Structure formats: C-alpha cells, structure tokens
Amino acid sequence: MTVEKGTPSGVQTSLLRIQEAAAEVGLTPRSVRYYEELGLLKPAARSEGDYRLYDETDVERLKFIKGLRDDAGFSLGEIAQLLEDEAARERGHAAYHATTDPAARLQILTDRAARYRHQIEMLRGKIERLQAMVDDAEARLGRTNGKIEALGAETGEGPASTTDLPDVPSRPLEAAR
C-alpha cells in the first residue's frame, strides 16, 4: 500500500511501506529493519498504525547501502562510516554557508578534508585487498596453466599450450592504482 504525503511546499510524495521499499531494492524487510537498528537508515514517516513509511530518498539510500555491501564488499560498519562522513559533509556545507567568520570556515574545511582523507584511505585499503585477491588468483591460474601444459605435452592430450585455453578478463583494478 503506497501512501501519499503532502510536503511543506504542497507537493504530494509517495511513501512506501517496508515490504514495498524492500522489494523495490531487492532486500528483505528484515534487512531494512536491521539497517534501521544500526542507524544506517530511518523511515521518512510512520503511518497511523505505526507502520514504517519510506520516501524516494530512503529508497535511494537503501540502494546505495546495498550497492556498497553487495557490489563493493563493504562491511556494514564501513558503510556506516561512509554514510556518517557524508552526513557530516552536508552539515559542514550548511555551516560553512551560515557563517562569514574565516576561522570557522577554515575549521569546517579542515574537518571536511580530514573526512575525505579518511574515505580515500578506506577505499584504497579496499582496492589493495581486492588487488591482493586478484594477484593470488592469477598466481594460482599460472601454476594451473603450467600443470596443464606439462600434462598436455606429456600425454599428447589437451591443449598444447595455455594459449589454447579460454582467456582471463583484463585486470580492472590496475587502472585504480
């Protein structure tokens, strides 16, 4: 059941119940509740029956969380830190524009730079861990290909060389270095 909610500007916005929001993102309602328990998300509203209601922003946040978790392999703790850094950046942006004091602005920008450095460190760490996994898999592939070549030559069966084997996709992480 989708609920319509009026905003201060008078615009109607669709609010989804937890089952609808979860289904739209490809999660279970239990996962969405768990993200709330961890503080990664909070519903936009509650219905008269105290059902959680989610707006488009909430659904986008759920998609972002799911992508970080499933596609990028971030832990929920790492996701929480990235989301907090983003929220702090938004608060800092508002605070920066609310003041003309150069010292206050300098402090806000210094804090922002520190958060960006932290994010970069976290992301580089993830890249390094993934690259180590790729390097390990390539080393194992090389050893296996060597055995295939040796056995193929010895038995006269199979590919004469590893060039006859299916190719391995290119190394996308090298570009990130």
N, C-alpha and C. Protein backbone atom coordinates (compact mmCIF):
# COMPACT_ATOMS: atom_id res chain seq x y z
N MET A 1 0.84 -1.17 0.00
CA MET A 1 0.00 0.00 0.00
C MET A 1 0.89 1.24 0.00
N THR A 2 0.75 2.06 -0.99
CA THR A 2 1.51 3.31 -1.08
C THR A 2 0.66 4.43 -0.49
N VAL A 3 1.29 5.26 0.30
CA VAL A 3 0.61 6.38 0.96
C VAL A 3 1.11 7.66 0.34
N GLU A 4 0.24 8.62 0.17
CA GLU A 4 0.64 9.94 -0.33
C GLU A 4 0.79 10.87 0.86
N LYS A 5 1.82 11.69 0.84
CA LYS A 5 2.07 12.62 1.93
C LYS A 5 2.32 14.00 1.33
N GLY A 6 1.68 14.99 1.89
CA GLY A 6 1.93 16.36 1.45
C GLY A 6 3.18 16.90 2.09
N THR A 7 3.97 17.65 1.33
CA THR A 7 5.17 18.28 1.87
C THR A 7 4.86 19.73 2.17
N PRO A 8 5.77 20.43 2.86
CA PRO A 8 5.54 21.84 3.15
C PRO A 8 5.26 22.67 1.91
N SER A 9 5.81 22.26 0.76
CA SER A 9 5.58 23.02 -0.47
C SER A 9 4.26 22.63 -1.13
N GLY A 10 3.52 21.68 -0.51
CA GLY A 10 2.24 21.27 -1.06
C GLY A 10 2.35 20.14 -2.07
N VAL A 11 3.56 19.69 -2.39
CA VAL A 11 3.77 18.63 -3.36
C VAL A 11 3.47 17.29 -2.68
N GLN A 12 2.77 16.42 -3.38
CA GLN A 12 2.48 15.08 -2.87
C GLN A 12 3.69 14.19 -3.15
N THR A 13 4.06 13.39 -2.17
CA THR A 13 5.16 12.46 -2.34
C THR A 13 4.69 11.07 -1.93
N SER A 14 5.11 10.05 -2.67
CA SER A 14 4.71 8.68 -2.38
C SER A 14 5.55 8.13 -1.24
N LEU A 15 4.88 7.48 -0.32
CA LEU A 15 5.55 6.80 0.78
C LEU A 15 5.25 5.32 0.67
N LEU A 16 6.27 4.51 0.76
CA LEU A 16 6.13 3.07 0.63
C LEU A 16 6.22 2.40 1.99
N ARG A 17 5.46 1.34 2.18
CA ARG A 17 5.60 0.53 3.38
C ARG A 17 6.87 -0.29 3.25
N ILE A 18 7.32 -0.85 4.36
CA ILE A 18 8.61 -1.53 4.39
C ILE A 18 8.71 -2.65 3.34
N GLN A 19 7.63 -3.43 3.17
CA GLN A 19 7.68 -4.51 2.19
C GLN A 19 7.88 -3.98 0.78
N GLU A 20 7.23 -2.87 0.46
CA GLU A 20 7.35 -2.28 -0.88
C GLU A 20 8.74 -1.69 -1.11
N ALA A 21 9.24 -0.98 -0.12
CA ALA A 21 10.58 -0.39 -0.24
C ALA A 21 11.64 -1.48 -0.37
N ALA A 22 11.53 -2.51 0.46
CA ALA A 22 12.49 -3.61 0.42
C ALA A 22 12.45 -4.31 -0.93
N ALA A 23 11.25 -4.58 -1.43
CA ALA A 23 11.11 -5.27 -2.72
C ALA A 23 11.68 -4.43 -3.86
N GLU A 24 11.49 -3.12 -3.81
CA GLU A 24 11.99 -2.25 -4.87
C GLU A 24 13.51 -2.30 -4.96
N VAL A 25 14.17 -2.50 -3.83
CA VAL A 25 15.63 -2.50 -3.78
C VAL A 25 16.20 -3.91 -3.89
N GLY A 26 15.38 -4.92 -3.64
CA GLY A 26 15.87 -6.30 -3.66
C GLY A 26 16.39 -6.75 -2.32
N LEU A 27 15.79 -6.23 -1.26
CA LEU A 27 16.15 -6.62 0.10
C LEU A 27 14.94 -7.26 0.78
N THR A 28 15.18 -7.81 1.94
CA THR A 28 14.06 -8.30 2.75
C THR A 28 13.67 -7.21 3.74
N PRO A 29 12.42 -7.22 4.18
CA PRO A 29 12.03 -6.25 5.21
C PRO A 29 12.91 -6.37 6.46
N ARG A 30 13.33 -7.58 6.78
CA ARG A 30 14.20 -7.78 7.96
C ARG A 30 15.52 -7.04 7.78
N SER A 31 16.08 -7.06 6.57
CA SER A 31 17.33 -6.34 6.31
C SER A 31 17.13 -4.84 6.52
N VAL A 32 16.00 -4.33 6.03
CA VAL A 32 15.72 -2.90 6.17
C VAL A 32 15.60 -2.55 7.65
N ARG A 33 14.89 -3.38 8.42
CA ARG A 33 14.78 -3.14 9.87
C ARG A 33 16.16 -3.17 10.54
N TYR A 34 16.99 -4.12 10.11
CA TYR A 34 18.33 -4.23 10.69
C TYR A 34 19.16 -2.99 10.38
N TYR A 35 19.05 -2.46 9.16
CA TYR A 35 19.77 -1.23 8.82
C TYR A 35 19.29 -0.08 9.69
N GLU A 36 18.02 -0.07 10.01
CA GLU A 36 17.50 0.95 10.93
C GLU A 36 18.10 0.78 12.32
N GLU A 37 18.15 -0.47 12.80
CA GLU A 37 18.72 -0.74 14.12
C GLU A 37 20.16 -0.26 14.21
N LEU A 38 20.89 -0.39 13.10
CA LEU A 38 22.30 0.04 13.06
C LEU A 38 22.46 1.54 12.86
N GLY A 39 21.36 2.22 12.55
CA GLY A 39 21.41 3.66 12.34
C GLY A 39 21.78 4.05 10.92
N LEU A 40 21.74 3.11 9.98
CA LEU A 40 22.06 3.41 8.59
C LEU A 40 20.91 4.09 7.87
N LEU A 41 19.71 3.98 8.42
CA LEU A 41 18.51 4.46 7.76
C LEU A 41 17.46 4.75 8.82
N LYS A 42 16.62 5.73 8.54
CA LYS A 42 15.45 5.90 9.39
C LYS A 42 14.28 6.24 8.47
N PRO A 43 13.12 5.68 8.77
CA PRO A 43 11.99 5.89 7.87
C PRO A 43 11.58 7.35 7.82
N ALA A 44 11.06 7.76 6.67
CA ALA A 44 10.64 9.15 6.49
C ALA A 44 9.46 9.48 7.39
N ALA A 45 8.62 8.47 7.66
CA ALA A 45 7.41 8.73 8.45
C ALA A 45 6.91 7.42 9.03
N ARG A 46 5.87 7.56 9.83
CA ARG A 46 5.15 6.40 10.37
C ARG A 46 3.67 6.61 10.06
N SER A 47 2.99 5.53 9.76
CA SER A 47 1.55 5.62 9.48
C SER A 47 0.78 5.69 10.79
N GLU A 48 -0.52 5.90 10.69
CA GLU A 48 -1.35 5.93 11.88
C GLU A 48 -1.27 4.61 12.64
N GLY A 49 -1.07 3.51 11.93
CA GLY A 49 -0.93 2.20 12.56
C GLY A 49 0.50 1.91 12.96
N ASP A 50 1.37 2.91 12.93
CA ASP A 50 2.78 2.83 13.30
C ASP A 50 3.63 2.00 12.34
N TYR A 51 3.17 1.89 11.09
CA TYR A 51 3.98 1.22 10.08
C TYR A 51 5.06 2.17 9.58
N ARG A 52 6.22 1.61 9.30
CA ARG A 52 7.31 2.41 8.73
C ARG A 52 6.94 2.79 7.30
N LEU A 53 7.23 4.05 6.96
CA LEU A 53 6.97 4.55 5.61
C LEU A 53 8.24 5.17 5.07
N TYR A 54 8.56 4.87 3.81
CA TYR A 54 9.80 5.30 3.19
C TYR A 54 9.52 6.13 1.95
N ASP A 55 10.32 7.20 1.79
CA ASP A 55 10.16 8.03 0.60
C ASP A 55 11.25 7.69 -0.41
N GLU A 56 11.28 8.43 -1.51
CA GLU A 56 12.24 8.17 -2.58
C GLU A 56 13.68 8.29 -2.10
N THR A 57 13.95 9.24 -1.22
CA THR A 57 15.30 9.41 -0.68
C THR A 57 15.72 8.19 0.12
N ASP A 58 14.80 7.63 0.89
CA ASP A 58 15.09 6.42 1.66
C ASP A 58 15.41 5.25 0.74
N VAL A 59 14.63 5.12 -0.33
CA VAL A 59 14.85 4.03 -1.28
C VAL A 59 16.22 4.19 -1.94
N GLU A 60 16.59 5.42 -2.30
CA GLU A 60 17.91 5.65 -2.89
C GLU A 60 19.02 5.31 -1.90
N ARG A 61 18.82 5.65 -0.64
CA ARG A 61 19.81 5.32 0.39
C ARG A 61 19.93 3.80 0.54
N LEU A 62 18.81 3.10 0.51
CA LEU A 62 18.85 1.63 0.57
C LEU A 62 19.61 1.05 -0.62
N LYS A 63 19.40 1.60 -1.80
CA LYS A 63 20.12 1.14 -2.99
C LYS A 63 21.61 1.38 -2.83
N PHE A 64 21.97 2.54 -2.27
CA PHE A 64 23.38 2.87 -2.05
C PHE A 64 24.00 1.89 -1.06
N ILE A 65 23.31 1.63 0.04
CA ILE A 65 23.81 0.69 1.05
C ILE A 65 23.98 -0.69 0.44
N LYS A 66 22.97 -1.14 -0.28
CA LYS A 66 23.02 -2.47 -0.90
C LYS A 66 24.18 -2.56 -1.89
N GLY A 67 24.38 -1.50 -2.68
CA GLY A 67 25.48 -1.50 -3.64
C GLY A 67 26.84 -1.56 -2.95
N LEU A 68 27.00 -0.78 -1.89
CA LEU A 68 28.26 -0.82 -1.16
C LEU A 68 28.50 -2.20 -0.55
N ARG A 69 27.44 -2.79 -0.03
CA ARG A 69 27.56 -4.10 0.61
C ARG A 69 27.79 -5.20 -0.42
N ASP A 70 26.91 -5.28 -1.43
CA ASP A 70 26.94 -6.40 -2.37
C ASP A 70 27.98 -6.23 -3.48
N ASP A 71 28.03 -5.04 -4.07
CA ASP A 71 28.90 -4.84 -5.22
C ASP A 71 30.34 -4.51 -4.82
N ALA A 72 30.49 -3.70 -3.79
CA ALA A 72 31.84 -3.26 -3.40
C ALA A 72 32.39 -4.05 -2.22
N GLY A 73 31.55 -4.86 -1.57
CA GLY A 73 32.03 -5.71 -0.49
C GLY A 73 32.34 -4.99 0.81
N PHE A 74 31.71 -3.85 1.05
CA PHE A 74 31.93 -3.13 2.30
C PHE A 74 31.15 -3.78 3.42
N SER A 75 31.73 -3.76 4.61
CA SER A 75 31.00 -4.23 5.79
C SER A 75 29.99 -3.16 6.19
N LEU A 76 29.03 -3.55 6.99
CA LEU A 76 28.04 -2.57 7.45
C LEU A 76 28.69 -1.49 8.31
N GLY A 77 29.73 -1.84 9.04
CA GLY A 77 30.47 -0.84 9.81
C GLY A 77 31.15 0.18 8.91
N GLU A 78 31.75 -0.29 7.83
CA GLU A 78 32.39 0.61 6.87
C GLU A 78 31.34 1.50 6.19
N ILE A 79 30.19 0.90 5.88
CA ILE A 79 29.11 1.67 5.26
C ILE A 79 28.63 2.76 6.21
N ALA A 80 28.49 2.41 7.48
CA ALA A 80 28.06 3.39 8.48
C ALA A 80 29.03 4.56 8.53
N GLN A 81 30.33 4.27 8.46
CA GLN A 81 31.33 5.33 8.50
C GLN A 81 31.25 6.21 7.26
N LEU A 82 31.08 5.60 6.09
CA LEU A 82 30.95 6.38 4.86
C LEU A 82 29.70 7.26 4.88
N LEU A 83 28.60 6.72 5.40
CA LEU A 83 27.36 7.49 5.49
C LEU A 83 27.50 8.63 6.50
N GLU A 84 28.19 8.37 7.60
CA GLU A 84 28.41 9.43 8.60
C GLU A 84 29.30 10.52 8.03
N ASP A 85 30.33 10.13 7.29
CA ASP A 85 31.20 11.12 6.65
C ASP A 85 30.40 12.00 5.69
N GLU A 86 29.48 11.38 4.95
CA GLU A 86 28.67 12.14 4.01
C GLU A 86 27.71 13.08 4.75
N ALA A 87 27.10 12.59 5.81
CA ALA A 87 26.19 13.43 6.61
C ALA A 87 26.96 14.61 7.22
N ALA A 88 28.17 14.36 7.71
CA ALA A 88 28.99 15.42 8.30
C ALA A 88 29.38 16.44 7.22
N ARG A 89 29.65 15.95 6.01
CA ARG A 89 29.98 16.87 4.92
C ARG A 89 28.79 17.78 4.63
N GLU A 90 27.60 17.21 4.62
CA GLU A 90 26.40 18.02 4.38
C GLU A 90 26.18 19.04 5.50
N ARG A 91 26.38 18.62 6.75
CA ARG A 91 26.24 19.56 7.87
C ARG A 91 27.29 20.66 7.77
N GLY A 92 28.51 20.27 7.41
CA GLY A 92 29.58 21.25 7.26
C GLY A 92 29.31 22.23 6.13
N HIS A 93 28.73 21.74 5.06
CA HIS A 93 28.38 22.62 3.93
C HIS A 93 27.41 23.70 4.39
N ALA A 94 26.39 23.30 5.13
CA ALA A 94 25.40 24.26 5.64
C ALA A 94 26.06 25.23 6.62
N ALA A 95 26.91 24.71 7.50
CA ALA A 95 27.58 25.57 8.49
C ALA A 95 28.52 26.55 7.81
N TYR A 96 29.20 26.10 6.77
CA TYR A 96 30.13 26.97 6.04
C TYR A 96 29.39 28.17 5.46
N HIS A 97 28.24 27.91 4.87
CA HIS A 97 27.47 28.99 4.23
C HIS A 97 26.69 29.83 5.25
N ALA A 98 26.59 29.33 6.48
CA ALA A 98 25.87 30.08 7.52
C ALA A 98 26.77 31.07 8.25
N THR A 99 28.07 31.01 7.98
CA THR A 99 29.00 31.90 8.67
C THR A 99 29.88 32.64 7.67
N THR A 100 30.38 33.78 8.11
CA THR A 100 31.36 34.52 7.31
C THR A 100 32.69 34.60 8.06
N ASP A 101 32.75 34.00 9.24
CA ASP A 101 33.96 34.00 10.06
C ASP A 101 35.04 33.13 9.40
N PRO A 102 36.16 33.74 8.98
CA PRO A 102 37.20 32.97 8.30
C PRO A 102 37.76 31.81 9.14
N ALA A 103 37.90 32.01 10.45
CA ALA A 103 38.42 30.95 11.31
C ALA A 103 37.45 29.77 11.36
N ALA A 104 36.16 30.05 11.45
CA ALA A 104 35.16 28.99 11.48
C ALA A 104 35.13 28.26 10.14
N ARG A 105 35.20 29.01 9.06
CA ARG A 105 35.20 28.39 7.74
C ARG A 105 36.45 27.51 7.54
N LEU A 106 37.58 28.00 8.02
CA LEU A 106 38.81 27.22 7.92
C LEU A 106 38.66 25.90 8.67
N GLN A 107 38.10 25.94 9.87
CA GLN A 107 37.90 24.73 10.66
C GLN A 107 36.95 23.76 9.95
N ILE A 108 35.89 24.28 9.38
CA ILE A 108 34.93 23.44 8.66
C ILE A 108 35.61 22.75 7.48
N LEU A 109 36.41 23.52 6.72
CA LEU A 109 37.10 22.94 5.57
C LEU A 109 38.18 21.95 5.98
N THR A 110 38.84 22.22 7.10
CA THR A 110 39.85 21.29 7.62
C THR A 110 39.20 19.97 8.01
N ASP A 111 38.05 20.06 8.69
CA ASP A 111 37.31 18.85 9.06
C ASP A 111 36.87 18.07 7.82
N ARG A 112 36.39 18.80 6.81
CA ARG A 112 35.95 18.16 5.57
C ARG A 112 37.12 17.43 4.91
N ALA A 113 38.28 18.09 4.85
CA ALA A 113 39.45 17.47 4.23
C ALA A 113 39.86 16.20 4.99
N ALA A 114 39.77 16.23 6.32
CA ALA A 114 40.12 15.05 7.12
C ALA A 114 39.17 13.89 6.80
N ARG A 115 37.90 14.20 6.64
CA ARG A 115 36.92 13.14 6.31
C ARG A 115 37.19 12.58 4.91
N TYR A 116 37.53 13.46 3.96
CA TYR A 116 37.87 12.97 2.62
C TYR A 116 39.11 12.08 2.67
N ARG A 117 40.11 12.48 3.45
CA ARG A 117 41.31 11.65 3.58
C ARG A 117 40.96 10.28 4.16
N HIS A 118 40.07 10.27 5.15
CA HIS A 118 39.64 9.01 5.75
C HIS A 118 38.93 8.14 4.72
N GLN A 119 38.04 8.73 3.93
CA GLN A 119 37.34 7.97 2.90
C GLN A 119 38.32 7.40 1.88
N ILE A 120 39.27 8.22 1.47
CA ILE A 120 40.26 7.77 0.49
C ILE A 120 41.08 6.61 1.06
N GLU A 121 41.47 6.73 2.32
CA GLU A 121 42.23 5.65 2.98
C GLU A 121 41.41 4.36 3.01
N MET A 122 40.14 4.47 3.36
CA MET A 122 39.26 3.30 3.42
C MET A 122 39.11 2.67 2.03
N LEU A 123 38.89 3.50 1.02
CA LEU A 123 38.72 2.99 -0.34
C LEU A 123 40.01 2.38 -0.89
N ARG A 124 41.13 3.02 -0.62
CA ARG A 124 42.42 2.45 -1.08
C ARG A 124 42.70 1.12 -0.39
N GLY A 125 42.35 1.02 0.88
CA GLY A 125 42.52 -0.25 1.59
C GLY A 125 41.70 -1.35 0.93
N LYS A 126 40.48 -1.01 0.54
CA LYS A 126 39.62 -1.99 -0.14
C LYS A 126 40.24 -2.39 -1.47
N ILE A 127 40.74 -1.42 -2.22
CA ILE A 127 41.37 -1.71 -3.51
C ILE A 127 42.58 -2.62 -3.32
N GLU A 128 43.39 -2.33 -2.31
CA GLU A 128 44.58 -3.15 -2.06
C GLU A 128 44.21 -4.57 -1.69
N ARG A 129 43.17 -4.74 -0.87
CA ARG A 129 42.73 -6.10 -0.51
C ARG A 129 42.21 -6.84 -1.74
N LEU A 130 41.43 -6.15 -2.57
CA LEU A 130 40.93 -6.78 -3.78
C LEU A 130 42.07 -7.11 -4.75
N GLN A 131 43.03 -6.20 -4.88
CA GLN A 131 44.16 -6.45 -5.78
C GLN A 131 44.96 -7.65 -5.30
N ALA A 132 45.14 -7.79 -3.99
CA ALA A 132 45.85 -8.96 -3.45
C ALA A 132 45.11 -10.25 -3.81
N MET A 133 43.79 -10.20 -3.76
CA MET A 133 43.00 -11.38 -4.12
C MET A 133 43.14 -11.70 -5.60
N VAL A 134 43.13 -10.66 -6.44
CA VAL A 134 43.31 -10.87 -7.88
C VAL A 134 44.71 -11.44 -8.14
N ASP A 135 45.73 -10.87 -7.51
CA ASP A 135 47.09 -11.35 -7.70
C ASP A 135 47.23 -12.81 -7.29
N ASP A 136 46.60 -13.18 -6.19
CA ASP A 136 46.65 -14.56 -5.71
C ASP A 136 45.97 -15.49 -6.71
N ALA A 137 44.80 -15.10 -7.21
CA ALA A 137 44.08 -15.93 -8.18
C ALA A 137 44.89 -16.07 -9.47
N GLU A 138 45.54 -14.99 -9.90
CA GLU A 138 46.37 -15.06 -11.11
C GLU A 138 47.57 -15.98 -10.91
N ALA A 139 48.15 -15.95 -9.72
CA ALA A 139 49.28 -16.84 -9.44
C ALA A 139 48.83 -18.30 -9.48
N ARG A 140 47.65 -18.58 -8.89
CA ARG A 140 47.12 -19.95 -8.92
C ARG A 140 46.80 -20.37 -10.35
N LEU A 141 46.25 -19.43 -11.15
CA LEU A 141 45.97 -19.72 -12.55
C LEU A 141 47.27 -20.04 -13.29
N GLY A 142 48.31 -19.27 -13.04
CA GLY A 142 49.60 -19.52 -13.69
C GLY A 142 50.14 -20.91 -13.35
N ARG A 143 50.04 -21.29 -12.08
CA ARG A 143 50.51 -22.63 -11.67
C ARG A 143 49.67 -23.72 -12.34
N THR A 144 48.36 -23.50 -12.39
CA THR A 144 47.47 -24.49 -13.02
C THR A 144 47.76 -24.59 -14.50
N ASN A 145 47.95 -23.45 -15.17
CA ASN A 145 48.28 -23.47 -16.60
C ASN A 145 49.59 -24.19 -16.85
N GLY A 146 50.56 -24.02 -15.97
CA GLY A 146 51.83 -24.73 -16.10
C GLY A 146 51.63 -26.24 -16.03
N LYS A 147 50.78 -26.67 -15.11
CA LYS A 147 50.49 -28.10 -14.97
C LYS A 147 49.75 -28.62 -16.20
N ILE A 148 48.82 -27.81 -16.72
CA ILE A 148 48.07 -28.21 -17.93
C ILE A 148 49.03 -28.38 -19.10
N GLU A 149 49.93 -27.44 -19.28
CA GLU A 149 50.90 -27.52 -20.37
C GLU A 149 51.78 -28.76 -20.22
N ALA A 150 52.24 -29.00 -18.99
CA ALA A 150 53.13 -30.15 -18.76
C ALA A 150 52.40 -31.46 -19.03
N LEU A 151 51.19 -31.59 -18.52
CA LEU A 151 50.43 -32.81 -18.73
C LEU A 151 49.99 -32.96 -20.18
N GLY A 152 49.64 -31.86 -20.82
CA GLY A 152 49.25 -31.91 -22.23
C GLY A 152 50.39 -32.38 -23.10
N ALA A 153 51.59 -31.89 -22.83
CA ALA A 153 52.77 -32.30 -23.60
C ALA A 153 53.12 -33.75 -23.30
N GLU A 154 52.99 -34.14 -22.04
CA GLU A 154 53.34 -35.49 -21.61
C GLU A 154 52.40 -36.55 -22.18
N THR A 155 51.11 -36.22 -22.21
CA THR A 155 50.12 -37.20 -22.65
C THR A 155 49.73 -37.04 -24.10
N GLY A 156 50.02 -35.91 -24.67
CA GLY A 156 49.60 -35.64 -26.04
C GLY A 156 48.12 -35.29 -26.12
N GLU A 157 47.49 -35.14 -24.97
CA GLU A 157 46.07 -34.77 -24.92
C GLU A 157 45.93 -33.34 -24.43
N GLY A 158 44.80 -32.77 -24.65
CA GLY A 158 44.54 -31.44 -24.14
C GLY A 158 45.28 -30.39 -24.93
N PRO A 159 45.21 -29.17 -24.51
CA PRO A 159 45.87 -28.09 -25.25
C PRO A 159 47.39 -28.22 -25.18
N ALA A 160 48.01 -27.92 -26.28
CA ALA A 160 49.47 -27.97 -26.33
C ALA A 160 50.08 -26.84 -25.50
N SER A 161 49.33 -25.74 -25.34
CA SER A 161 49.80 -24.64 -24.52
C SER A 161 48.59 -23.94 -23.92
N THR A 162 48.83 -23.07 -22.98
CA THR A 162 47.74 -22.35 -22.33
C THR A 162 47.11 -21.31 -23.25
N THR A 163 47.74 -21.05 -24.38
CA THR A 163 47.11 -20.12 -25.33
C THR A 163 45.87 -20.74 -25.94
N ASP A 164 45.73 -22.07 -25.85
CA ASP A 164 44.56 -22.76 -26.36
C ASP A 164 43.40 -22.74 -25.35
N LEU A 165 43.66 -22.23 -24.14
CA LEU A 165 42.64 -22.17 -23.09
C LEU A 165 41.86 -20.86 -23.18
N PRO A 166 40.65 -20.86 -22.62
CA PRO A 166 39.89 -19.59 -22.60
C PRO A 166 40.69 -18.50 -21.91
N ASP A 167 40.53 -17.27 -22.40
CA ASP A 167 41.28 -16.13 -21.87
C ASP A 167 40.68 -15.64 -20.55
N VAL A 168 41.52 -15.06 -19.72
CA VAL A 168 41.10 -14.45 -18.47
C VAL A 168 40.82 -12.97 -18.74
N PRO A 169 39.72 -12.43 -18.21
CA PRO A 169 39.43 -11.00 -18.43
C PRO A 169 40.58 -10.12 -17.96
N SER A 170 40.62 -8.91 -18.49
CA SER A 170 41.68 -7.96 -18.13
C SER A 170 41.59 -7.59 -16.65
N ARG A 171 42.62 -6.94 -16.14
CA ARG A 171 42.73 -6.60 -14.72
C ARG A 171 42.19 -5.19 -14.47
N PRO A 172 40.91 -5.08 -14.12
CA PRO A 172 40.32 -3.75 -13.93
C PRO A 172 40.88 -2.97 -12.75
N LEU A 173 41.44 -3.64 -11.76
CA LEU A 173 41.95 -2.94 -10.60
C LEU A 173 43.26 -2.21 -10.87
N GLU A 174 43.98 -2.62 -11.91
CA GLU A 174 45.23 -1.93 -12.21
C GLU A 174 44.99 -0.45 -12.52
N ALA A 175 43.88 -0.16 -13.17
CA ALA A 175 43.57 1.23 -13.52
C ALA A 175 43.32 2.06 -12.27
N ALA A 176 42.92 1.42 -11.19
CA ALA A 176 42.60 2.15 -9.95
C ALA A 176 43.85 2.49 -9.15
N ARG A 177 44.97 1.88 -9.50
CA ARG A 177 46.20 2.13 -8.73
C ARG A 177 46.73 3.49 -8.97
